[in-house]
Amino acid sequence: MAGRKALVLVAEDINSLTQYTRQLPFKRKVQQRYLDMIANKKTMADLSEDDLTLVKKCRYEMNAHQKQMAALALIKAQSSHSRFEREILDLAARQDIDAYFLMLDGLKAYLKNVDQKKAENKLRNDKQRMDQKLLNPQIQARKQRDRENYFLGASFRKLMEVTSLHPRKNDLEKLTHVIGLAISLRGHNFDVTRYLNSLGRSVNSDEKQLAIALKEILEDPRNPYIEK
């Protein structure tokens, strides 16, 4: 009996996977490892066996996520919903990392067509525990700090990609360089709005890309520093 054909990846597969993974609102650890790895690769020949294994894991995550999002779309399109479906829709309406991954767990169970009552009870109990944690000021403060750290890290990576600063340095070296430069300029008045306006008038394409990236970051609805 013939086995499954070996997966053959081409550059287009890698590009599609990278674009899909980047646009996810929150990323699993394996997905972030993939993005960190692929950022340092220029061609398919640069991928090691370990890299290809990571690619395949992320392709599995992407395929699963696409099926879950399709299931969510079908649930939203229904005129009436079961209690389990309403729990999933409530989680989908939140902009929180815990709610996001709990929603995916619920959709995974929904797609597997397991005992829905059991899955519904588990999701409800997990959701209740999550909501109870939100009432704890210390946990809420930690979650806010986690959101800030996540957003700051993603924003820093995006700005580094747009500017291509210090391509031979790792992200930590880039960050320390930026902080050092900021310290050396201490005392200078820096107004981000005025800076964005000046970049918007620039004829330099790199600076215009930076202006666009900065505007997207500052206006991102996931920005934890925006007062709701």
C-alpha atoms as a PDB file:
ATOM      1  CA  MET A   1       0.000   0.000   0.000  1.00  0.00           C
ATOM      2  CA  ALA A   2       1.469   3.308  -1.084  1.00  0.00           C
ATOM      3  CA  GLY A   3       2.198   5.818   1.647  1.00  0.00           C
ATOM      4  CA  ARG A   4       1.349   9.481   1.598  1.00  0.00           C
ATOM      5  CA  LYS A   5       3.441  11.481  -0.868  1.00  0.00           C
ATOM      6  CA  ALA A   6       6.173  13.558   0.706  1.00  0.00           C
ATOM      7  CA  LEU A   7       5.284  17.229   0.986  1.00  0.00           C
ATOM      8  CA  VAL A   8       7.219  19.295  -1.533  1.00  0.00           C
ATOM      9  CA  LEU A   9       7.447  22.964  -0.618  1.00  0.00           C
ATOM     10  CA  VAL A  10       8.152  25.815  -3.023  1.00  0.00           C
ATOM     11  CA  ALA A  11       8.924  29.478  -2.394  1.00  0.00           C
ATOM     12  CA  GLU A  12       5.270  30.433  -2.983  1.00  0.00           C
ATOM     13  CA  ASP A  13       4.215  28.076  -0.158  1.00  0.00           C
ATOM     14  CA  ILE A  14       6.681  29.750   2.203  1.00  0.00           C
ATOM     15  CA  ASN A  15       5.571  33.252   1.205  1.00  0.00           C
ATOM     16  CA  SER A  16       1.884  32.401   1.686  1.00  0.00           C
ATOM     17  CA  LEU A  17       2.582  30.805   5.067  1.00  0.00           C
ATOM     18  CA  THR A  18       4.631  33.799   6.207  1.00  0.00           C
ATOM     19  CA  GLN A  19       1.980  36.331   5.152  1.00  0.00           C
ATOM     20  CA  TYR A  20      -0.793  34.321   6.798  1.00  0.00           C
ATOM     21  CA  THR A  21       1.124  33.877  10.039  1.00  0.00           C
ATOM     22  CA  ARG A  22       2.104  37.540  10.254  1.00  0.00           C
ATOM     23  CA  GLN A  23      -1.506  38.735   9.994  1.00  0.00           C
ATOM     24  CA  LEU A  24      -2.723  36.591  12.886  1.00  0.00           C
ATOM     25  CA  PRO A  25      -3.832  38.784  15.815  1.00  0.00           C
ATOM     26  CA  PHE A  26      -1.988  36.499  18.259  1.00  0.00           C
ATOM     27  CA  LYS A  27       0.592  33.827  17.569  1.00  0.00           C
ATOM     28  CA  ARG A  28       1.413  30.488  19.142  1.00  0.00           C
ATOM     29  CA  LYS A  29       5.013  29.921  20.225  1.00  0.00           C
ATOM     30  CA  VAL A  30       5.706  27.674  17.233  1.00  0.00           C
ATOM     31  CA  GLN A  31       4.400  30.384  14.895  1.00  0.00           C
ATOM     32  CA  GLN A  32       6.600  33.059  16.455  1.00  0.00           C
ATOM     33  CA  ARG A  33       9.593  30.710  16.205  1.00  0.00           C
ATOM     34  CA  TYR A  34       8.792  30.262  12.532  1.00  0.00           C
ATOM     35  CA  LEU A  35       8.648  34.029  11.904  1.00  0.00           C
ATOM     36  CA  ASP A  36      11.943  34.534  13.749  1.00  0.00           C
ATOM     37  CA  MET A  37      13.544  31.775  11.678  1.00  0.00           C
ATOM     38  CA  ILE A  38      12.204  32.809   8.268  1.00  0.00           C
ATOM     39  CA  ALA A  39      13.249  36.447   8.768  1.00  0.00           C
ATOM     40  CA  ASN A  40      16.878  35.338   8.406  1.00  0.00           C
ATOM     41  CA  LYS A  41      16.385  33.196   5.282  1.00  0.00           C
ATOM     42  CA  LYS A  42      16.732  34.509   1.746  1.00  0.00           C
ATOM     43  CA  THR A  43      16.126  31.416  -0.377  1.00  0.00           C
ATOM     44  CA  MET A  44      14.706  27.899  -0.033  1.00  0.00           C
ATOM     45  CA  ALA A  45      18.282  26.601  -0.043  1.00  0.00           C
ATOM     46  CA  ASP A  46      18.858  28.335   3.305  1.00  0.00           C
ATOM     47  CA  LEU A  47      16.298  26.108   5.043  1.00  0.00           C
ATOM     48  CA  SER A  48      17.727  23.247   7.099  1.00  0.00           C
ATOM     49  CA  GLU A  49      15.874  20.031   7.933  1.00  0.00           C
ATOM     50  CA  ASP A  50      14.922  21.497  11.308  1.00  0.00           C
ATOM     51  CA  ASP A  51      13.660  24.623   9.553  1.00  0.00           C
ATOM     52  CA  LEU A  52      11.513  22.532   7.195  1.00  0.00           C
ATOM     53  CA  THR A  53      10.076  20.643  10.156  1.00  0.00           C
ATOM     54  CA  LEU A  54       9.110  23.981  11.695  1.00  0.00           C
ATOM     55  CA  VAL A  55       7.564  25.056   8.377  1.00  0.00           C
ATOM     56  CA  LYS A  56       5.432  21.908   8.272  1.00  0.00           C
ATOM     57  CA  LYS A  57       4.238  22.439  11.848  1.00  0.00           C
ATOM     58  CA  CYS A  58       3.183  25.983  10.998  1.00  0.00           C
ATOM     59  CA  ARG A  59       1.453  24.819   7.809  1.00  0.00           C
ATOM     60  CA  TYR A  60      -0.548  22.431   9.976  1.00  0.00           C
ATOM     61  CA  GLU A  61      -1.439  25.319  12.311  1.00  0.00           C
ATOM     62  CA  MET A  62      -2.409  27.475   9.319  1.00  0.00           C
ATOM     63  CA  ASN A  63      -4.648  24.787   7.806  1.00  0.00           C
ATOM     64  CA  ALA A  64      -6.312  24.165  11.174  1.00  0.00           C
ATOM     65  CA  HIS A  65      -6.826  27.893  11.717  1.00  0.00           C
ATOM     66  CA  GLN A  66      -8.369  28.328   8.257  1.00  0.00           C
ATOM     67  CA  LYS A  67     -10.884  25.539   8.993  1.00  0.00           C
ATOM     68  CA  GLN A  68     -11.682  27.088  12.384  1.00  0.00           C
ATOM     69  CA  MET A  69     -12.264  30.513  10.827  1.00  0.00           C
ATOM     70  CA  ALA A  70     -14.513  28.941   8.192  1.00  0.00           C
ATOM     71  CA  ALA A  71     -16.517  27.258  10.970  1.00  0.00           C
ATOM     72  CA  LEU A  72     -16.752  30.600  12.822  1.00  0.00           C
ATOM     73  CA  ALA A  73     -18.061  32.288   9.669  1.00  0.00           C
ATOM     74  CA  LEU A  74     -20.748  29.616   9.312  1.00  0.00           C
ATOM     75  CA  ILE A  75     -21.773  30.021  12.951  1.00  0.00           C
ATOM     76  CA  LYS A  76     -22.047  33.810  12.513  1.00  0.00           C
ATOM     77  CA  ALA A  77     -24.211  33.339   9.407  1.00  0.00           C
ATOM     78  CA  GLN A  78     -26.781  31.232  11.273  1.00  0.00           C
ATOM     79  CA  SER A  79     -30.034  32.875  12.334  1.00  0.00           C
ATOM     80  CA  SER A  80     -30.082  31.011  15.659  1.00  0.00           C
ATOM     81  CA  HIS A  81     -27.376  29.503  17.830  1.00  0.00           C
ATOM     82  CA  SER A  82     -26.927  26.840  20.445  1.00  0.00           C
ATOM     83  CA  ARG A  83     -25.522  27.854  23.820  1.00  0.00           C
ATOM     84  CA  PHE A  84     -22.135  26.431  22.771  1.00  0.00           C
ATOM     85  CA  GLU A  85     -22.174  28.543  19.609  1.00  0.00           C
ATOM     86  CA  ARG A  86     -23.115  31.663  21.589  1.00  0.00           C
ATOM     87  CA  GLU A  87     -20.139  31.059  23.907  1.00  0.00           C
ATOM     88  CA  ILE A  88     -17.842  30.845  20.869  1.00  0.00           C
ATOM     89  CA  LEU A  89     -19.309  34.034  19.373  1.00  0.00           C
ATOM     90  CA  ASP A  90     -18.860  35.877  22.673  1.00  0.00           C
ATOM     91  CA  LEU A  91     -15.197  34.907  22.751  1.00  0.00           C
ATOM     92  CA  ALA A  92     -14.774  35.903  19.092  1.00  0.00           C
ATOM     93  CA  ALA A  93     -16.028  39.418  19.911  1.00  0.00           C
ATOM     94  CA  ARG A  94     -13.269  40.003  22.470  1.00  0.00           C
ATOM     95  CA  GLN A  95      -9.825  41.433  21.675  1.00  0.00           C
ATOM     96  CA  ASP A  96      -7.915  39.440  24.252  1.00  0.00           C
ATOM     97  CA  ILE A  97      -5.249  36.786  23.775  1.00  0.00           C
ATOM     98  CA  ASP A  98      -6.801  34.375  26.282  1.00  0.00           C
ATOM     99  CA  ALA A  99     -10.255  34.702  24.721  1.00  0.00           C
ATOM    100  CA  TYR A 100      -8.761  34.269  21.250  1.00  0.00           C
ATOM    101  CA  PHE A 101      -7.078  30.948  22.000  1.00  0.00           C
ATOM    102  CA  LEU A 102     -10.041  29.728  24.035  1.00  0.00           C
ATOM    103  CA  MET A 103     -12.244  30.479  21.019  1.00  0.00           C
ATOM    104  CA  LEU A 104      -9.923  28.392  18.820  1.00  0.00           C
ATOM    105  CA  ASP A 105     -10.147  25.521  21.316  1.00  0.00           C
ATOM    106  CA  GLY A 106     -13.930  25.769  21.174  1.00  0.00           C
ATOM    107  CA  LEU A 107     -13.918  25.749  17.360  1.00  0.00           C
ATOM    108  CA  LYS A 108     -11.556  22.779  17.355  1.00  0.00           C
ATOM    109  CA  ALA A 109     -14.014  20.822  19.491  1.00  0.00           C
ATOM    110  CA  TYR A 110     -16.882  22.069  17.341  1.00  0.00           C
ATOM    111  CA  LEU A 111     -15.193  20.782  14.174  1.00  0.00           C
ATOM    112  CA  LYS A 112     -14.356  17.416  15.687  1.00  0.00           C
ATOM    113  CA  ASN A 113     -18.063  16.863  16.285  1.00  0.00           C
ATOM    114  CA  VAL A 114     -17.324  15.483  19.735  1.00  0.00           C
ATOM    115  CA  ASP A 115     -19.942  15.166  22.461  1.00  0.00           C
ATOM    116  CA  GLN A 116     -21.167  18.744  22.221  1.00  0.00           C
ATOM    117  CA  LYS A 117     -22.563  18.840  25.727  1.00  0.00           C
ATOM    118  CA  LYS A 118     -19.190  17.852  27.187  1.00  0.00           C
ATOM    119  CA  ALA A 119     -17.361  20.346  25.007  1.00  0.00           C
ATOM    120  CA  GLU A 120     -19.902  23.032  25.885  1.00  0.00           C
ATOM    121  CA  ASN A 121     -19.479  22.453  29.630  1.00  0.00           C
ATOM    122  CA  LYS A 122     -15.694  22.542  29.358  1.00  0.00           C
ATOM    123  CA  LEU A 123     -15.740  25.755  27.356  1.00  0.00           C
ATOM    124  CA  ARG A 124     -18.200  27.374  29.778  1.00  0.00           C
ATOM    125  CA  ASN A 125     -16.127  26.381  32.810  1.00  0.00           C
ATOM    126  CA  ASP A 126     -12.899  27.615  31.210  1.00  0.00           C
ATOM    127  CA  LYS A 127     -14.611  30.856  30.246  1.00  0.00           C
ATOM    128  CA  GLN A 128     -15.955  31.359  33.773  1.00  0.00           C
ATOM    129  CA  ARG A 129     -12.462  30.851  35.233  1.00  0.00           C
ATOM    130  CA  MET A 130     -11.069  33.319  32.719  1.00  0.00           C
ATOM    131  CA  ASP A 131     -13.760  35.913  33.567  1.00  0.00           C
ATOM    132  CA  GLN A 132     -13.155  35.461  37.303  1.00  0.00           C
ATOM    133  CA  LYS A 133      -9.484  36.201  36.790  1.00  0.00           C
ATOM    134  CA  LEU A 134     -10.443  39.492  35.176  1.00  0.00           C
ATOM    135  CA  LEU A 135     -11.920  40.591  38.509  1.00  0.00           C
ATOM    136  CA  ASN A 136      -8.532  40.222  40.220  1.00  0.00           C
ATOM    137  CA  PRO A 137      -6.690  43.597  40.010  1.00  0.00           C
ATOM    138  CA  GLN A 138      -3.248  41.955  40.168  1.00  0.00           C
ATOM    139  CA  ILE A 139      -4.062  39.543  37.359  1.00  0.00           C
ATOM    140  CA  GLN A 140      -5.643  42.349  35.346  1.00  0.00           C
ATOM    141  CA  ALA A 141      -2.504  44.470  35.777  1.00  0.00           C
ATOM    142  CA  ARG A 142      -0.311  41.536  34.706  1.00  0.00           C
ATOM    143  CA  LYS A 143      -2.503  40.889  31.657  1.00  0.00           C
ATOM    144  CA  GLN A 144      -2.279  44.558  30.694  1.00  0.00           C
ATOM    145  CA  ARG A 145       1.492  44.372  31.041  1.00  0.00           C
ATOM    146  CA  ASP A 146       1.541  41.224  28.894  1.00  0.00           C
ATOM    147  CA  ARG A 147      -0.535  42.975  26.224  1.00  0.00           C
ATOM    148  CA  GLU A 148       1.848  45.922  26.288  1.00  0.00           C
ATOM    149  CA  ASN A 149       4.915  43.670  26.015  1.00  0.00           C
ATOM    150  CA  TYR A 150       3.360  41.697  23.154  1.00  0.00           C
ATOM    151  CA  PHE A 151       2.392  44.852  21.266  1.00  0.00           C
ATOM    152  CA  LEU A 152       5.740  46.564  21.872  1.00  0.00           C
ATOM    153  CA  GLY A 153       7.637  43.508  20.643  1.00  0.00           C
ATOM    154  CA  ALA A 154       5.506  43.187  17.505  1.00  0.00           C
ATOM    155  CA  SER A 155       5.781  46.941  16.824  1.00  0.00           C
ATOM    156  CA  PHE A 156       9.563  46.900  17.239  1.00  0.00           C
ATOM    157  CA  ARG A 157       9.908  43.976  14.808  1.00  0.00           C
ATOM    158  CA  LYS A 158       7.692  45.727  12.276  1.00  0.00           C
ATOM    159  CA  LEU A 159       9.734  48.935  12.444  1.00  0.00           C
ATOM    160  CA  MET A 160      12.977  46.990  12.117  1.00  0.00           C
ATOM    161  CA  GLU A 161      11.639  45.217   9.024  1.00  0.00           C
ATOM    162  CA  VAL A 162      10.516  48.481   7.416  1.00  0.00           C
ATOM    163  CA  THR A 163      13.739  50.359   8.110  1.00  0.00           C
ATOM    164  CA  SER A 164      16.177  47.447   7.559  1.00  0.00           C
ATOM    165  CA  LEU A 165      18.458  48.936  10.209  1.00  0.00           C
ATOM    166  CA  HIS A 166      21.555  46.931  11.135  1.00  0.00           C
ATOM    167  CA  PRO A 167      20.652  43.828   9.077  1.00  0.00           C
ATOM    168  CA  ARG A 168      23.564  41.829  10.509  1.00  0.00           C
ATOM    169  CA  LYS A 169      22.574  42.418  14.134  1.00  0.00           C
ATOM    170  CA  ASN A 170      20.035  40.385  16.075  1.00  0.00           C
ATOM    171  CA  ASP A 171      16.908  42.067  17.470  1.00  0.00           C
ATOM    172  CA  LEU A 172      18.371  42.526  20.959  1.00  0.00           C
ATOM    173  CA  GLU A 173      21.443  44.271  19.535  1.00  0.00           C
ATOM    174  CA  LYS A 174      19.180  46.484  17.408  1.00  0.00           C
ATOM    175  CA  LEU A 175      17.081  47.409  20.437  1.00  0.00           C
ATOM    176  CA  THR A 176      20.084  48.311  22.586  1.00  0.00           C
ATOM    177  CA  HIS A 177      21.428  50.453  19.744  1.00  0.00           C
ATOM    178  CA  VAL A 178      18.125  52.336  19.453  1.00  0.00           C
ATOM    179  CA  ILE A 179      17.993  52.917  23.233  1.00  0.00           C
ATOM    180  CA  GLY A 180      21.586  54.123  23.207  1.00  0.00           C
ATOM    181  CA  LEU A 181      20.790  56.539  20.391  1.00  0.00           C
ATOM    182  CA  ALA A 182      17.729  57.809  22.269  1.00  0.00           C
ATOM    183  CA  ILE A 183      19.840  58.476  25.379  1.00  0.00           C
ATOM    184  CA  SER A 184      22.370  60.412  23.314  1.00  0.00           C
ATOM    185  CA  LEU A 185      19.527  62.614  22.000  1.00  0.00           C
ATOM    186  CA  ARG A 186      18.012  63.171  25.442  1.00  0.00           C
ATOM    187  CA  GLY A 187      16.812  66.730  25.902  1.00  0.00           C
ATOM    188  CA  HIS A 188      15.788  67.200  22.278  1.00  0.00           C
ATOM    189  CA  ASN A 189      12.077  67.854  21.870  1.00  0.00           C
ATOM    190  CA  PHE A 190      10.594  65.032  19.792  1.00  0.00           C
ATOM    191  CA  ASP A 191       6.984  65.292  18.711  1.00  0.00           C
ATOM    192  CA  VAL A 192       5.777  62.123  16.995  1.00  0.00           C
ATOM    193  CA  THR A 193       2.915  63.955  15.215  1.00  0.00           C
ATOM    194  CA  ARG A 194       5.270  66.562  13.764  1.00  0.00           C
ATOM    195  CA  TYR A 195       7.702  63.791  12.820  1.00  0.00           C
ATOM    196  CA  LEU A 196       4.970  61.821  11.026  1.00  0.00           C
ATOM    197  CA  ASN A 197       3.926  64.935   9.128  1.00  0.00           C
ATOM    198  CA  SER A 198       7.488  65.532   8.008  1.00  0.00           C
ATOM    199  CA  LEU A 199       7.825  61.912   6.876  1.00  0.00           C
ATOM    200  CA  GLY A 200       4.536  62.168   4.994  1.00  0.00           C
ATOM    201  CA  ARG A 201       5.971  65.040   2.953  1.00  0.00           C
ATOM    202  CA  SER A 202       9.215  63.204   2.261  1.00  0.00           C
ATOM    203  CA  VAL A 203      10.045  62.001  -1.238  1.00  0.00           C
ATOM    204  CA  ASN A 204      12.171  59.212   0.210  1.00  0.00           C
ATOM    205  CA  SER A 205      10.272  55.935  -0.268  1.00  0.00           C
ATOM    206  CA  ASP A 206      11.906  54.339   2.792  1.00  0.00           C
ATOM    207  CA  GLU A 207      10.789  57.232   4.982  1.00  0.00           C
ATOM    208  CA  LYS A 208       7.262  57.049   3.579  1.00  0.00           C
ATOM    209  CA  GLN A 209       7.141  53.340   4.421  1.00  0.00           C
ATOM    210  CA  LEU A 210       8.256  54.216   7.948  1.00  0.00           C
ATOM    211  CA  ALA A 211       5.514  56.851   8.206  1.00  0.00           C
ATOM    212  CA  ILE A 212       2.891  54.313   7.122  1.00  0.00           C
ATOM    213  CA  ALA A 213       4.174  51.721   9.612  1.00  0.00           C
ATOM    214  CA  LEU A 214       4.212  54.232  12.484  1.00  0.00           C
ATOM    215  CA  LYS A 215       0.666  55.377  11.693  1.00  0.00           C
ATOM    216  CA  GLU A 216      -0.584  51.765  11.547  1.00  0.00           C
ATOM    217  CA  ILE A 217       1.038  50.973  14.904  1.00  0.00           C
ATOM    218  CA  LEU A 218      -0.297  54.065  16.676  1.00  0.00           C
ATOM    219  CA  GLU A 219      -3.832  53.578  15.299  1.00  0.00           C
ATOM    220  CA  ASP A 220      -3.941  49.786  15.674  1.00  0.00           C
ATOM    221  CA  PRO A 221      -7.141  48.890  17.620  1.00  0.00           C
ATOM    222  CA  ARG A 222      -5.070  46.312  19.541  1.00  0.00           C
ATOM    223  CA  ASN A 223      -2.817  49.106  20.842  1.00  0.00           C
ATOM    224  CA  PRO A 224      -3.067  48.660  24.651  1.00  0.00           C
ATOM    225  CA  TYR A 225      -2.112  52.273  25.231  1.00  0.00           C
ATOM    226  CA  ILE A 226      -5.245  53.618  23.511  1.00  0.00           C
ATOM    227  CA  GLU A 227      -7.882  54.547  26.082  1.00  0.00           C
ATOM    228  CA  LYS A 228     -11.093  52.684  25.252  1.00  0.00           C
END
